[in-house]
Amino acid sequence: MIFRLASIARSQATLAGRRYASSSVSTSTSSKPLSPLNSFARAWYNMFGSSTARYATFLAVGVIAVELITNATTDALWELNNRGKTYKQVDWSKFDPPDDDEEEEEEEEEEEEDDE
């Protein structure tokens, strides 16, 4: 009886070992529908993840796009918090010195008035 149990256990272990060591790939799919996240992941993998070149291109374009968005957001927040304080927002006409030509014309007009 003990030998019989040992032989049954041995045969089941070899079946399990063959199943785990098998190189065949199961292609069965379940009948339940895929979740949106799972279907998105599969679509992304089929488009970008299945090729190293496409994955590298995806990363490069993604990094550049995120950098542009981050830059635009940071600039907008900076302008919002520093309204009226930055170089391009200052009204520089308030700080313009009068031109020398205008001063000379005013002096000539004063001299003409004095002569009369």
PDB file of N, CA and C in Angstrom:
ATOM      1  N   MET A   1       0.805  -1.183   0.000  1.00  0.00           N
ATOM      2  CA  MET A   1       0.000   0.000   0.000  1.00  0.00           C
ATOM      3  C   MET A   1       0.857   1.260   0.000  1.00  0.00           C
ATOM      4  N   ILE A   2       1.880   1.290   0.811  1.00  0.00           N
ATOM      5  CA  ILE A   2       2.767   2.446   0.854  1.00  0.00           C
ATOM      6  C   ILE A   2       3.450   2.626  -0.496  1.00  0.00           C
ATOM      7  N   PHE A   3       3.851   1.510  -1.115  1.00  0.00           N
ATOM      8  CA  PHE A   3       4.512   1.607  -2.415  1.00  0.00           C
ATOM      9  C   PHE A   3       3.557   2.141  -3.474  1.00  0.00           C
ATOM     10  N   ARG A   4       2.312   1.740  -3.340  1.00  0.00           N
ATOM     11  CA  ARG A   4       1.329   2.208  -4.312  1.00  0.00           C
ATOM     12  C   ARG A   4       1.114   3.715  -4.178  1.00  0.00           C
ATOM     13  N   LEU A   5       1.021   4.251  -2.968  1.00  0.00           N
ATOM     14  CA  LEU A   5       0.872   5.684  -2.751  1.00  0.00           C
ATOM     15  C   LEU A   5       2.097   6.435  -3.279  1.00  0.00           C
ATOM     16  N   ALA A   6       3.255   5.872  -3.066  1.00  0.00           N
ATOM     17  CA  ALA A   6       4.479   6.515  -3.552  1.00  0.00           C
ATOM     18  C   ALA A   6       4.498   6.570  -5.074  1.00  0.00           C
ATOM     19  N   SER A   7       4.055   5.490  -5.717  1.00  0.00           N
ATOM     20  CA  SER A   7       4.051   5.492  -7.182  1.00  0.00           C
ATOM     21  C   SER A   7       3.000   6.458  -7.735  1.00  0.00           C
ATOM     22  N   ILE A   8       1.865   6.593  -7.074  1.00  0.00           N
ATOM     23  CA  ILE A   8       0.840   7.556  -7.503  1.00  0.00           C
ATOM     24  C   ILE A   8       1.370   8.984  -7.359  1.00  0.00           C
ATOM     25  N   ALA A   9       2.005   9.272  -6.227  1.00  0.00           N
ATOM     26  CA  ALA A   9       2.568  10.602  -5.999  1.00  0.00           C
ATOM     27  C   ALA A   9       3.651  10.913  -7.024  1.00  0.00           C
ATOM     28  N   ARG A  10       4.476   9.909  -7.344  1.00  0.00           N
ATOM     29  CA  ARG A  10       5.535  10.092  -8.335  1.00  0.00           C
ATOM     30  C   ARG A  10       4.940  10.390  -9.710  1.00  0.00           C
ATOM     31  N   SER A  11       3.912   9.681 -10.100  1.00  0.00           N
ATOM     32  CA  SER A  11       3.309   9.901 -11.424  1.00  0.00           C
ATOM     33  C   SER A  11       2.645  11.271 -11.504  1.00  0.00           C
ATOM     34  N   GLN A  12       2.008  11.716 -10.436  1.00  0.00           N
ATOM     35  CA  GLN A  12       1.403  13.044 -10.436  1.00  0.00           C
ATOM     36  C   GLN A  12       2.469  14.133 -10.473  1.00  0.00           C
ATOM     37  N   ALA A  13       3.573  13.928  -9.810  1.00  0.00           N
ATOM     38  CA  ALA A  13       4.657  14.908  -9.813  1.00  0.00           C
ATOM     39  C   ALA A  13       5.278  15.020 -11.198  1.00  0.00           C
ATOM     40  N   THR A  14       5.413  13.888 -11.891  1.00  0.00           N
ATOM     41  CA  THR A  14       5.988  13.969 -13.237  1.00  0.00           C
ATOM     42  C   THR A  14       5.026  14.651 -14.196  1.00  0.00           C
ATOM     43  N   LEU A  15       3.714  14.445 -14.022  1.00  0.00           N
ATOM     44  CA  LEU A  15       2.738  15.151 -14.859  1.00  0.00           C
ATOM     45  C   LEU A  15       2.796  16.656 -14.613  1.00  0.00           C
ATOM     46  N   ALA A  16       2.859  17.023 -13.340  1.00  0.00           N
ATOM     47  CA  ALA A  16       2.939  18.447 -13.004  1.00  0.00           C
ATOM     48  C   ALA A  16       4.243  19.039 -13.530  1.00  0.00           C
ATOM     49  N   GLY A  17       5.328  18.285 -13.432  1.00  0.00           N
ATOM     50  CA  GLY A  17       6.612  18.768 -13.937  1.00  0.00           C
ATOM     51  C   GLY A  17       6.590  18.957 -15.435  1.00  0.00           C
ATOM     52  N   ARG A  18       5.949  18.036 -16.136  1.00  0.00           N
ATOM     53  CA  ARG A  18       5.849  18.177 -17.594  1.00  0.00           C
ATOM     54  C   ARG A  18       5.005  19.395 -17.960  1.00  0.00           C
ATOM     55  N   ARG A  19       3.955  19.640 -17.199  1.00  0.00           N
ATOM     56  CA  ARG A  19       3.095  20.774 -17.467  1.00  0.00           C
ATOM     57  C   ARG A  19       3.852  22.102 -17.286  1.00  0.00           C
ATOM     58  N   TYR A  20       4.653  22.187 -16.220  1.00  0.00           N
ATOM     59  CA  TYR A  20       5.402  23.406 -15.955  1.00  0.00           C
ATOM     60  C   TYR A  20       6.591  23.577 -16.888  1.00  0.00           C
ATOM     61  N   ALA A  21       7.161  22.486 -17.341  1.00  0.00           N
ATOM     62  CA  ALA A  21       8.333  22.557 -18.208  1.00  0.00           C
ATOM     63  C   ALA A  21       7.948  22.622 -19.677  1.00  0.00           C
ATOM     64  N   SER A  22       6.672  22.618 -19.958  1.00  0.00           N
ATOM     65  CA  SER A  22       6.203  22.612 -21.336  1.00  0.00           C
ATOM     66  C   SER A  22       6.537  23.948 -22.006  1.00  0.00           C
ATOM     67  N   SER A  23       6.901  23.891 -23.271  1.00  0.00           N
ATOM     68  CA  SER A  23       7.226  25.114 -23.997  1.00  0.00           C
ATOM     69  C   SER A  23       6.041  25.636 -24.800  1.00  0.00           C
ATOM     70  N   SER A  24       4.942  24.939 -24.760  1.00  0.00           N
ATOM     71  CA  SER A  24       3.778  25.417 -25.508  1.00  0.00           C
ATOM     72  C   SER A  24       3.135  26.585 -24.763  1.00  0.00           C
ATOM     73  N   VAL A  25       2.622  27.537 -25.524  1.00  0.00           N
ATOM     74  CA  VAL A  25       2.025  28.737 -24.961  1.00  0.00           C
ATOM     75  C   VAL A  25       0.519  28.625 -25.123  1.00  0.00           C
ATOM     76  N   SER A  26      -0.172  28.879 -24.072  1.00  0.00           N
ATOM     77  CA  SER A  26      -1.624  28.829 -24.118  1.00  0.00           C
ATOM     78  C   SER A  26      -2.143  30.103 -24.767  1.00  0.00           C
ATOM     79  N   THR A  27      -2.973  29.972 -25.754  1.00  0.00           N
ATOM     80  CA  THR A  27      -3.538  31.131 -26.439  1.00  0.00           C
ATOM     81  C   THR A  27      -5.007  31.297 -26.132  1.00  0.00           C
ATOM     82  N   SER A  28      -5.487  30.620 -25.129  1.00  0.00           N
ATOM     83  CA  SER A  28      -6.908  30.729 -24.796  1.00  0.00           C
ATOM     84  C   SER A  28      -7.175  32.076 -24.147  1.00  0.00           C
ATOM     85  N   THR A  29      -8.314  32.640 -24.481  1.00  0.00           N
ATOM     86  CA  THR A  29      -8.725  33.901 -23.877  1.00  0.00           C
ATOM     87  C   THR A  29     -10.012  33.659 -23.125  1.00  0.00           C
ATOM     88  N   SER A  30     -10.202  34.442 -22.113  1.00  0.00           N
ATOM     89  CA  SER A  30     -11.417  34.268 -21.329  1.00  0.00           C
ATOM     90  C   SER A  30     -12.594  34.884 -22.076  1.00  0.00           C
ATOM     91  N   SER A  31     -13.775  34.449 -21.740  1.00  0.00           N
ATOM     92  CA  SER A  31     -14.961  34.930 -22.427  1.00  0.00           C
ATOM     93  C   SER A  31     -15.451  36.263 -21.880  1.00  0.00           C
ATOM     94  N   LYS A  32     -14.954  36.690 -20.725  1.00  0.00           N
ATOM     95  CA  LYS A  32     -15.405  37.962 -20.163  1.00  0.00           C
ATOM     96  C   LYS A  32     -14.728  39.118 -20.902  1.00  0.00           C
ATOM     97  N   PRO A  33     -15.398  40.255 -21.029  1.00  0.00           N
ATOM     98  CA  PRO A  33     -14.824  41.389 -21.764  1.00  0.00           C
ATOM     99  C   PRO A  33     -13.654  42.009 -21.002  1.00  0.00           C
ATOM    100  N   LEU A  34     -12.751  42.643 -21.747  1.00  0.00           N
ATOM    101  CA  LEU A  34     -11.588  43.280 -21.146  1.00  0.00           C
ATOM    102  C   LEU A  34     -11.982  44.613 -20.527  1.00  0.00           C
ATOM    103  N   SER A  35     -11.314  44.966 -19.455  1.00  0.00           N
ATOM    104  CA  SER A  35     -11.565  46.275 -18.858  1.00  0.00           C
ATOM    105  C   SER A  35     -10.945  47.343 -19.756  1.00  0.00           C
ATOM    106  N   PRO A  36     -11.425  48.577 -19.674  1.00  0.00           N
ATOM    107  CA  PRO A  36     -10.852  49.639 -20.528  1.00  0.00           C
ATOM    108  C   PRO A  36      -9.356  49.835 -20.296  1.00  0.00           C
ATOM    109  N   LEU A  37      -8.920  49.715 -19.046  1.00  0.00           N
ATOM    110  CA  LEU A  37      -7.500  49.881 -18.756  1.00  0.00           C
ATOM    111  C   LEU A  37      -6.678  48.771 -19.388  1.00  0.00           C
ATOM    112  N   ASN A  38      -7.180  47.553 -19.316  1.00  0.00           N
ATOM    113  CA  ASN A  38      -6.469  46.420 -19.902  1.00  0.00           C
ATOM    114  C   ASN A  38      -6.437  46.532 -21.426  1.00  0.00           C
ATOM    115  N   SER A  39      -7.537  46.945 -22.028  1.00  0.00           N
ATOM    116  CA  SER A  39      -7.549  47.089 -23.482  1.00  0.00           C
ATOM    117  C   SER A  39      -6.635  48.232 -23.925  1.00  0.00           C
ATOM    118  N   PHE A  40      -6.581  49.316 -23.124  1.00  0.00           N
ATOM    119  CA  PHE A  40      -5.657  50.411 -23.431  1.00  0.00           C
ATOM    120  C   PHE A  40      -4.212  49.929 -23.344  1.00  0.00           C
ATOM    121  N   ALA A  41      -3.898  49.157 -22.315  1.00  0.00           N
ATOM    122  CA  ALA A  41      -2.531  48.653 -22.149  1.00  0.00           C
ATOM    123  C   ALA A  41      -2.145  47.747 -23.307  1.00  0.00           C
ATOM    124  N   ARG A  42      -3.068  46.913 -23.736  1.00  0.00           N
ATOM    125  CA  ARG A  42      -2.773  46.037 -24.878  1.00  0.00           C
ATOM    126  C   ARG A  42      -2.563  46.845 -26.155  1.00  0.00           C
ATOM    127  N   ALA A  43      -3.408  47.836 -26.382  1.00  0.00           N
ATOM    128  CA  ALA A  43      -3.267  48.669 -27.586  1.00  0.00           C
ATOM    129  C   ALA A  43      -1.951  49.437 -27.555  1.00  0.00           C
ATOM    130  N   TRP A  44      -1.596  49.988 -26.370  1.00  0.00           N
ATOM    131  CA  TRP A  44      -0.331  50.717 -26.255  1.00  0.00           C
ATOM    132  C   TRP A  44       0.844  49.788 -26.520  1.00  0.00           C
ATOM    133  N   TYR A  45       0.802  48.596 -25.954  1.00  0.00           N
ATOM    134  CA  TYR A  45       1.897  47.652 -26.155  1.00  0.00           C
ATOM    135  C   TYR A  45       2.012  47.262 -27.626  1.00  0.00           C
ATOM    136  N   ASN A  46       0.896  47.000 -28.269  1.00  0.00           N
ATOM    137  CA  ASN A  46       0.939  46.620 -29.682  1.00  0.00           C
ATOM    138  C   ASN A  46       1.479  47.752 -30.547  1.00  0.00           C
ATOM    139  N   MET A  47       1.221  49.008 -30.150  1.00  0.00           N
ATOM    140  CA  MET A  47       1.686  50.132 -30.949  1.00  0.00           C
ATOM    141  C   MET A  47       3.132  50.523 -30.622  1.00  0.00           C
ATOM    142  N   PHE A  48       3.463  50.635 -29.330  1.00  0.00           N
ATOM    143  CA  PHE A  48       4.775  51.163 -28.943  1.00  0.00           C
ATOM    144  C   PHE A  48       5.689  50.147 -28.269  1.00  0.00           C
ATOM    145  N   GLY A  49       5.165  49.298 -27.433  1.00  0.00           N
ATOM    146  CA  GLY A  49       5.993  48.451 -26.596  1.00  0.00           C
ATOM    147  C   GLY A  49       6.578  47.233 -27.269  1.00  0.00           C
ATOM    148  N   SER A  50       6.028  46.829 -28.388  1.00  0.00           N
ATOM    149  CA  SER A  50       6.499  45.591 -29.003  1.00  0.00           C
ATOM    150  C   SER A  50       7.795  45.771 -29.789  1.00  0.00           C
ATOM    151  N   SER A  51       8.217  46.991 -30.029  1.00  0.00           N
ATOM    152  CA  SER A  51       9.450  47.262 -30.773  1.00  0.00           C
ATOM    153  C   SER A  51      10.323  48.225 -29.975  1.00  0.00           C
ATOM    154  N   THR A  52      11.594  47.940 -29.895  1.00  0.00           N
ATOM    155  CA  THR A  52      12.508  48.803 -29.155  1.00  0.00           C
ATOM    156  C   THR A  52      12.605  50.178 -29.793  1.00  0.00           C
ATOM    157  N   ALA A  53      12.646  50.237 -31.109  1.00  0.00           N
ATOM    158  CA  ALA A  53      12.739  51.525 -31.793  1.00  0.00           C
ATOM    159  C   ALA A  53      11.493  52.370 -31.553  1.00  0.00           C
ATOM    160  N   ARG A  54      10.326  51.751 -31.619  1.00  0.00           N
ATOM    161  CA  ARG A  54       9.091  52.503 -31.371  1.00  0.00           C
ATOM    162  C   ARG A  54       9.009  52.942 -29.915  1.00  0.00           C
ATOM    163  N   TYR A  55       9.472  52.117 -29.000  1.00  0.00           N
ATOM    164  CA  TYR A  55       9.460  52.472 -27.583  1.00  0.00           C
ATOM    165  C   TYR A  55      10.415  53.640 -27.321  1.00  0.00           C
ATOM    166  N   ALA A  56      11.596  53.617 -27.912  1.00  0.00           N
ATOM    167  CA  ALA A  56      12.553  54.712 -27.737  1.00  0.00           C
ATOM    168  C   ALA A  56      12.006  56.006 -28.337  1.00  0.00           C
ATOM    169  N   THR A  57      11.355  55.908 -29.489  1.00  0.00           N
ATOM    170  CA  THR A  57      10.745  57.092 -30.096  1.00  0.00           C
ATOM    171  C   THR A  57       9.628  57.629 -29.215  1.00  0.00           C
ATOM    172  N   PHE A  58       8.819  56.738 -28.671  1.00  0.00           N
ATOM    173  CA  PHE A  58       7.748  57.140 -27.760  1.00  0.00           C
ATOM    174  C   PHE A  58       8.321  57.889 -26.562  1.00  0.00           C
ATOM    175  N   LEU A  59       9.400  57.379 -25.995  1.00  0.00           N
ATOM    176  CA  LEU A  59      10.019  58.037 -24.840  1.00  0.00           C
ATOM    177  C   LEU A  59      10.581  59.410 -25.207  1.00  0.00           C
ATOM    178  N   ALA A  60      11.292  59.495 -26.330  1.00  0.00           N
ATOM    179  CA  ALA A  60      11.898  60.765 -26.729  1.00  0.00           C
ATOM    180  C   ALA A  60      10.824  61.821 -26.997  1.00  0.00           C
ATOM    181  N   VAL A  61       9.803  61.465 -27.753  1.00  0.00           N
ATOM    182  CA  VAL A  61       8.731  62.415 -28.051  1.00  0.00           C
ATOM    183  C   VAL A  61       7.966  62.767 -26.785  1.00  0.00           C
ATOM    184  N   GLY A  62       7.749  61.790 -25.930  1.00  0.00           N
ATOM    185  CA  GLY A  62       7.049  62.040 -24.673  1.00  0.00           C
ATOM    186  C   GLY A  62       7.804  62.981 -23.760  1.00  0.00           C
ATOM    187  N   VAL A  63       9.104  62.799 -23.657  1.00  0.00           N
ATOM    188  CA  VAL A  63       9.913  63.678 -22.805  1.00  0.00           C
ATOM    189  C   VAL A  63       9.890  65.104 -23.339  1.00  0.00           C
ATOM    190  N   ILE A  64      10.020  65.265 -24.645  1.00  0.00           N
ATOM    191  CA  ILE A  64       9.998  66.613 -25.232  1.00  0.00           C
ATOM    192  C   ILE A  64       8.627  67.260 -25.032  1.00  0.00           C
ATOM    193  N   ALA A  65       7.554  66.518 -25.229  1.00  0.00           N
ATOM    194  CA  ALA A  65       6.204  67.069 -25.057  1.00  0.00           C
ATOM    195  C   ALA A  65       5.959  67.477 -23.610  1.00  0.00           C
ATOM    196  N   VAL A  66       6.356  66.641 -22.672  1.00  0.00           N
ATOM    197  CA  VAL A  66       6.166  66.973 -21.257  1.00  0.00           C
ATOM    198  C   VAL A  66       7.015  68.180 -20.876  1.00  0.00           C
ATOM    199  N   GLU A  67       8.212  68.283 -21.424  1.00  0.00           N
ATOM    200  CA  GLU A  67       9.068  69.442 -21.147  1.00  0.00           C
ATOM    201  C   GLU A  67       8.424  70.728 -21.659  1.00  0.00           C
ATOM    202  N   LEU A  68       7.854  70.696 -22.852  1.00  0.00           N
ATOM    203  CA  LEU A  68       7.191  71.882 -23.393  1.00  0.00           C
ATOM    204  C   LEU A  68       5.991  72.296 -22.544  1.00  0.00           C
ATOM    205  N   ILE A  69       5.212  71.320 -22.121  1.00  0.00           N
ATOM    206  CA  ILE A  69       4.050  71.615 -21.284  1.00  0.00           C
ATOM    207  C   ILE A  69       4.486  72.175 -19.935  1.00  0.00           C
ATOM    208  N   THR A  70       5.515  71.579 -19.338  1.00  0.00           N
ATOM    209  CA  THR A  70       6.024  72.061 -18.053  1.00  0.00           C
ATOM    210  C   THR A  70       6.566  73.472 -18.181  1.00  0.00           C
ATOM    211  N   ASN A  71       7.287  73.753 -19.256  1.00  0.00           N
ATOM    212  CA  ASN A  71       7.843  75.079 -19.474  1.00  0.00           C
ATOM    213  C   ASN A  71       6.738  76.117 -19.618  1.00  0.00           C
ATOM    214  N   ALA A  72       5.730  75.819 -20.414  1.00  0.00           N
ATOM    215  CA  ALA A  72       4.628  76.762 -20.615  1.00  0.00           C
ATOM    216  C   ALA A  72       3.866  77.003 -19.312  1.00  0.00           C
ATOM    217  N   THR A  73       3.649  75.963 -18.538  1.00  0.00           N
ATOM    218  CA  THR A  73       2.935  76.101 -17.271  1.00  0.00           C
ATOM    219  C   THR A  73       3.744  76.929 -16.279  1.00  0.00           C
ATOM    220  N   THR A  74       5.030  76.659 -16.197  1.00  0.00           N
ATOM    221  CA  THR A  74       5.883  77.406 -15.279  1.00  0.00           C
ATOM    222  C   THR A  74       5.948  78.882 -15.668  1.00  0.00           C
ATOM    223  N   ASP A  75       6.089  79.169 -16.950  1.00  0.00           N
ATOM    224  CA  ASP A  75       6.115  80.560 -17.398  1.00  0.00           C
ATOM    225  C   ASP A  75       4.805  81.276 -17.094  1.00  0.00           C
ATOM    226  N   ALA A  76       3.690  80.598 -17.318  1.00  0.00           N
ATOM    227  CA  ALA A  76       2.388  81.215 -17.042  1.00  0.00           C
ATOM    228  C   ALA A  76       2.226  81.513 -15.550  1.00  0.00           C
ATOM    229  N   LEU A  77       2.632  80.577 -14.695  1.00  0.00           N
ATOM    230  CA  LEU A  77       2.542  80.816 -13.259  1.00  0.00           C
ATOM    231  C   LEU A  77       3.475  81.945 -12.815  1.00  0.00           C
ATOM    232  N   TRP A  78       4.656  82.007 -13.407  1.00  0.00           N
ATOM    233  CA  TRP A  78       5.604  83.073 -13.065  1.00  0.00           C
ATOM    234  C   TRP A  78       5.046  84.437 -13.449  1.00  0.00           C
ATOM    235  N   GLU A  79       4.492  84.540 -14.657  1.00  0.00           N
ATOM    236  CA  GLU A  79       3.912  85.810 -15.103  1.00  0.00           C
ATOM    237  C   GLU A  79       2.711  86.197 -14.238  1.00  0.00           C
ATOM    238  N   LEU A  80       1.928  85.216 -13.828  1.00  0.00           N
ATOM    239  CA  LEU A  80       0.763  85.494 -13.002  1.00  0.00           C
ATOM    240  C   LEU A  80       1.175  86.016 -11.631  1.00  0.00           C
ATOM    241  N   ASN A  81       2.188  85.423 -11.038  1.00  0.00           N
ATOM    242  CA  ASN A  81       2.618  85.834  -9.700  1.00  0.00           C
ATOM    243  C   ASN A  81       3.459  87.099  -9.696  1.00  0.00           C
ATOM    244  N   ASN A  82       4.049  87.464 -10.815  1.00  0.00           N
ATOM    245  CA  ASN A  82       4.917  88.647 -10.891  1.00  0.00           C
ATOM    246  C   ASN A  82       4.360  89.674 -11.868  1.00  0.00           C
ATOM    247  N   ARG A  83       3.057  89.830 -11.900  1.00  0.00           N
ATOM    248  CA  ARG A  83       2.416  90.758 -12.833  1.00  0.00           C
ATOM    249  C   ARG A  83       2.897  92.186 -12.573  1.00  0.00           C
ATOM    250  N   GLY A  84       3.395  92.823 -13.645  1.00  0.00           N
ATOM    251  CA  GLY A  84       3.860  94.200 -13.557  1.00  0.00           C
ATOM    252  C   GLY A  84       5.285  94.343 -13.064  1.00  0.00           C
ATOM    253  N   LYS A  85       5.942  93.277 -12.739  1.00  0.00           N
ATOM    254  CA  LYS A  85       7.291  93.345 -12.184  1.00  0.00           C
ATOM    255  C   LYS A  85       8.359  92.855 -13.152  1.00  0.00           C
ATOM    256  N   THR A  86       7.984  92.215 -14.218  1.00  0.00           N
ATOM    257  CA  THR A  86       8.975  91.669 -15.133  1.00  0.00           C
ATOM    258  C   THR A  86       9.347  92.703 -16.187  1.00  0.00           C
ATOM    259  N   TYR A  87      10.442  92.455 -16.873  1.00  0.00           N
ATOM    260  CA  TYR A  87      10.987  93.407 -17.843  1.00  0.00           C
ATOM    261  C   TYR A  87       9.996  93.727 -18.949  1.00  0.00           C
ATOM    262  N   LYS A  88       9.338  92.707 -19.473  1.00  0.00           N
ATOM    263  CA  LYS A  88       8.455  92.958 -20.612  1.00  0.00           C
ATOM    264  C   LYS A  88       7.129  93.584 -20.206  1.00  0.00           C
ATOM    265  N   GLN A  89       6.815  93.660 -18.913  1.00  0.00           N
ATOM    266  CA  GLN A  89       5.557  94.243 -18.475  1.00  0.00           C
ATOM    267  C   GLN A  89       5.683  95.667 -17.958  1.00  0.00           C
ATOM    268  N   VAL A  90       6.890  96.146 -17.765  1.00  0.00           N
ATOM    269  CA  VAL A  90       7.096  97.500 -17.240  1.00  0.00           C
ATOM    270  C   VAL A  90       6.853  98.518 -18.352  1.00  0.00           C
ATOM    271  N   ASP A  91       6.180  99.615 -17.999  1.00  0.00           N
ATOM    272  CA  ASP A  91       5.958 100.701 -18.952  1.00  0.00           C
ATOM    273  C   ASP A  91       7.211 101.574 -18.966  1.00  0.00           C
ATOM    274  N   TRP A  92       8.042 101.338 -19.953  1.00  0.00           N
ATOM    275  CA  TRP A  92       9.336 102.004 -19.995  1.00  0.00           C
ATOM    276  C   TRP A  92       9.231 103.457 -20.444  1.00  0.00           C
ATOM    277  N   SER A  93       8.089 103.887 -20.963  1.00  0.00           N
ATOM    278  CA  SER A  93       7.952 105.287 -21.375  1.00  0.00           C
ATOM    279  C   SER A  93       8.016 106.222 -20.169  1.00  0.00           C
ATOM    280  N   LYS A  94       7.721 105.735 -18.997  1.00  0.00           N
ATOM    281  CA  LYS A  94       7.824 106.549 -17.784  1.00  0.00           C
ATOM    282  C   LYS A  94       9.279 106.867 -17.438  1.00  0.00           C
ATOM    283  N   PHE A  95      10.182 106.040 -17.908  1.00  0.00           N
ATOM    284  CA  PHE A  95      11.586 106.193 -17.551  1.00  0.00           C
ATOM    285  C   PHE A  95      12.433 106.787 -18.666  1.00  0.00           C
ATOM    286  N   ASP A  96      11.818 107.135 -19.797  1.00  0.00           N
ATOM    287  CA  ASP A  96      12.570 107.700 -20.912  1.00  0.00           C
ATOM    288  C   ASP A  96      12.994 109.126 -20.580  1.00  0.00           C
ATOM    289  N   PRO A  97      14.293 109.424 -20.693  1.00  0.00           N
ATOM    290  CA  PRO A  97      14.715 110.811 -20.482  1.00  0.00           C
ATOM    291  C   PRO A  97      14.295 111.644 -21.701  1.00  0.00           C
ATOM    292  N   PRO A  98      14.067 112.917 -21.521  1.00  0.00           N
ATOM    293  CA  PRO A  98      13.699 113.750 -22.677  1.00  0.00           C
ATOM    294  C   PRO A  98      14.859 113.792 -23.670  1.00  0.00           C
ATOM    295  N   ASP A  99      14.519 113.821 -24.926  1.00  0.00           N
ATOM    296  CA  ASP A  99      15.548 113.867 -25.966  1.00  0.00           C
ATOM    297  C   ASP A  99      16.274 115.198 -25.941  1.00  0.00           C
ATOM    298  N   ASP A 100      17.539 115.175 -26.361  1.00  0.00           N
ATOM    299  CA  ASP A 100      18.337 116.398 -26.417  1.00  0.00           C
ATOM    300  C   ASP A 100      17.765 117.365 -27.444  1.00  0.00           C
ATOM    301  N   ASP A 101      17.218 116.859 -28.523  1.00  0.00           N
ATOM    302  CA  ASP A 101      16.650 117.722 -29.559  1.00  0.00           C
ATOM    303  C   ASP A 101      15.490 118.541 -29.008  1.00  0.00           C
ATOM    304  N   GLU A 102      14.667 117.944 -28.189  1.00  0.00           N
ATOM    305  CA  GLU A 102      13.535 118.649 -27.610  1.00  0.00           C
ATOM    306  C   GLU A 102      14.018 119.756 -26.680  1.00  0.00           C
ATOM    307  N   GLU A 103      15.074 119.485 -25.918  1.00  0.00           N
ATOM    308  CA  GLU A 103      15.613 120.498 -25.009  1.00  0.00           C
ATOM    309  C   GLU A 103      16.180 121.676 -25.800  1.00  0.00           C
ATOM    310  N   GLU A 104      16.872 121.384 -26.878  1.00  0.00           N
ATOM    311  CA  GLU A 104      17.446 122.460 -27.688  1.00  0.00           C
ATOM    312  C   GLU A 104      16.354 123.310 -28.320  1.00  0.00           C
ATOM    313  N   GLU A 105      15.291 122.680 -28.783  1.00  0.00           N
ATOM    314  CA  GLU A 105      14.187 123.424 -29.378  1.00  0.00           C
ATOM    315  C   GLU A 105      13.525 124.316 -28.344  1.00  0.00           C
ATOM    316  N   GLU A 106      13.357 123.795 -27.132  1.00  0.00           N
ATOM    317  CA  GLU A 106      12.757 124.594 -26.076  1.00  0.00           C
ATOM    318  C   GLU A 106      13.640 125.795 -25.741  1.00  0.00           C
ATOM    319  N   GLU A 107      14.961 125.576 -25.714  1.00  0.00           N
ATOM    320  CA  GLU A 107      15.886 126.682 -25.428  1.00  0.00           C
ATOM    321  C   GLU A 107      15.836 127.727 -26.533  1.00  0.00           C
ATOM    322  N   GLU A 108      15.757 127.316 -27.785  1.00  0.00           N
ATOM    323  CA  GLU A 108      15.684 128.254 -28.904  1.00  0.00           C
ATOM    324  C   GLU A 108      14.387 129.050 -28.840  1.00  0.00           C
ATOM    325  N   GLU A 109      13.296 128.399 -28.499  1.00  0.00           N
ATOM    326  CA  GLU A 109      12.025 129.095 -28.383  1.00  0.00           C
ATOM    327  C   GLU A 109      12.089 130.129 -27.273  1.00  0.00           C
ATOM    328  N   GLU A 110      12.718 129.766 -26.152  1.00  0.00           N
ATOM    329  CA  GLU A 110      12.845 130.716 -25.038  1.00  0.00           C
ATOM    330  C   GLU A 110      13.706 131.900 -25.442  1.00  0.00           C
ATOM    331  N   GLU A 111      14.764 131.667 -26.203  1.00  0.00           N
ATOM    332  CA  GLU A 111      15.638 132.755 -26.651  1.00  0.00           C
ATOM    333  C   GLU A 111      14.896 133.675 -27.608  1.00  0.00           C
ATOM    334  N   GLU A 112      14.073 133.109 -28.483  1.00  0.00           N
ATOM    335  CA  GLU A 112      13.307 133.942 -29.413  1.00  0.00           C
ATOM    336  C   GLU A 112      12.305 134.788 -28.687  1.00  0.00           C
ATOM    337  N   GLU A 113      11.701 134.226 -27.651  1.00  0.00           N
ATOM    338  CA  GLU A 113      10.738 134.988 -26.854  1.00  0.00           C
ATOM    339  C   GLU A 113      11.449 136.101 -26.100  1.00  0.00           C
ATOM    340  N   ASP A 114      12.649 135.835 -25.631  1.00  0.00           N
ATOM    341  CA  ASP A 114      13.409 136.843 -24.908  1.00  0.00           C
ATOM    342  C   ASP A 114      13.838 137.978 -25.849  1.00  0.00           C
ATOM    343  N   ASP A 115      14.123 137.654 -27.109  1.00  0.00           N
ATOM    344  CA  ASP A 115      14.565 138.648 -28.075  1.00  0.00           C
ATOM    345  C   ASP A 115      13.401 139.593 -28.438  1.00  0.00           C
ATOM    346  N   GLU A 116      12.231 139.174 -28.371  1.00  0.00           N
ATOM    347  CA  GLU A 116      11.108 139.997 -28.783  1.00  0.00           C
ATOM    348  C   GLU A 116      10.719 140.940 -27.744  1.00  0.00           C
TER     349      GLU A 116
END
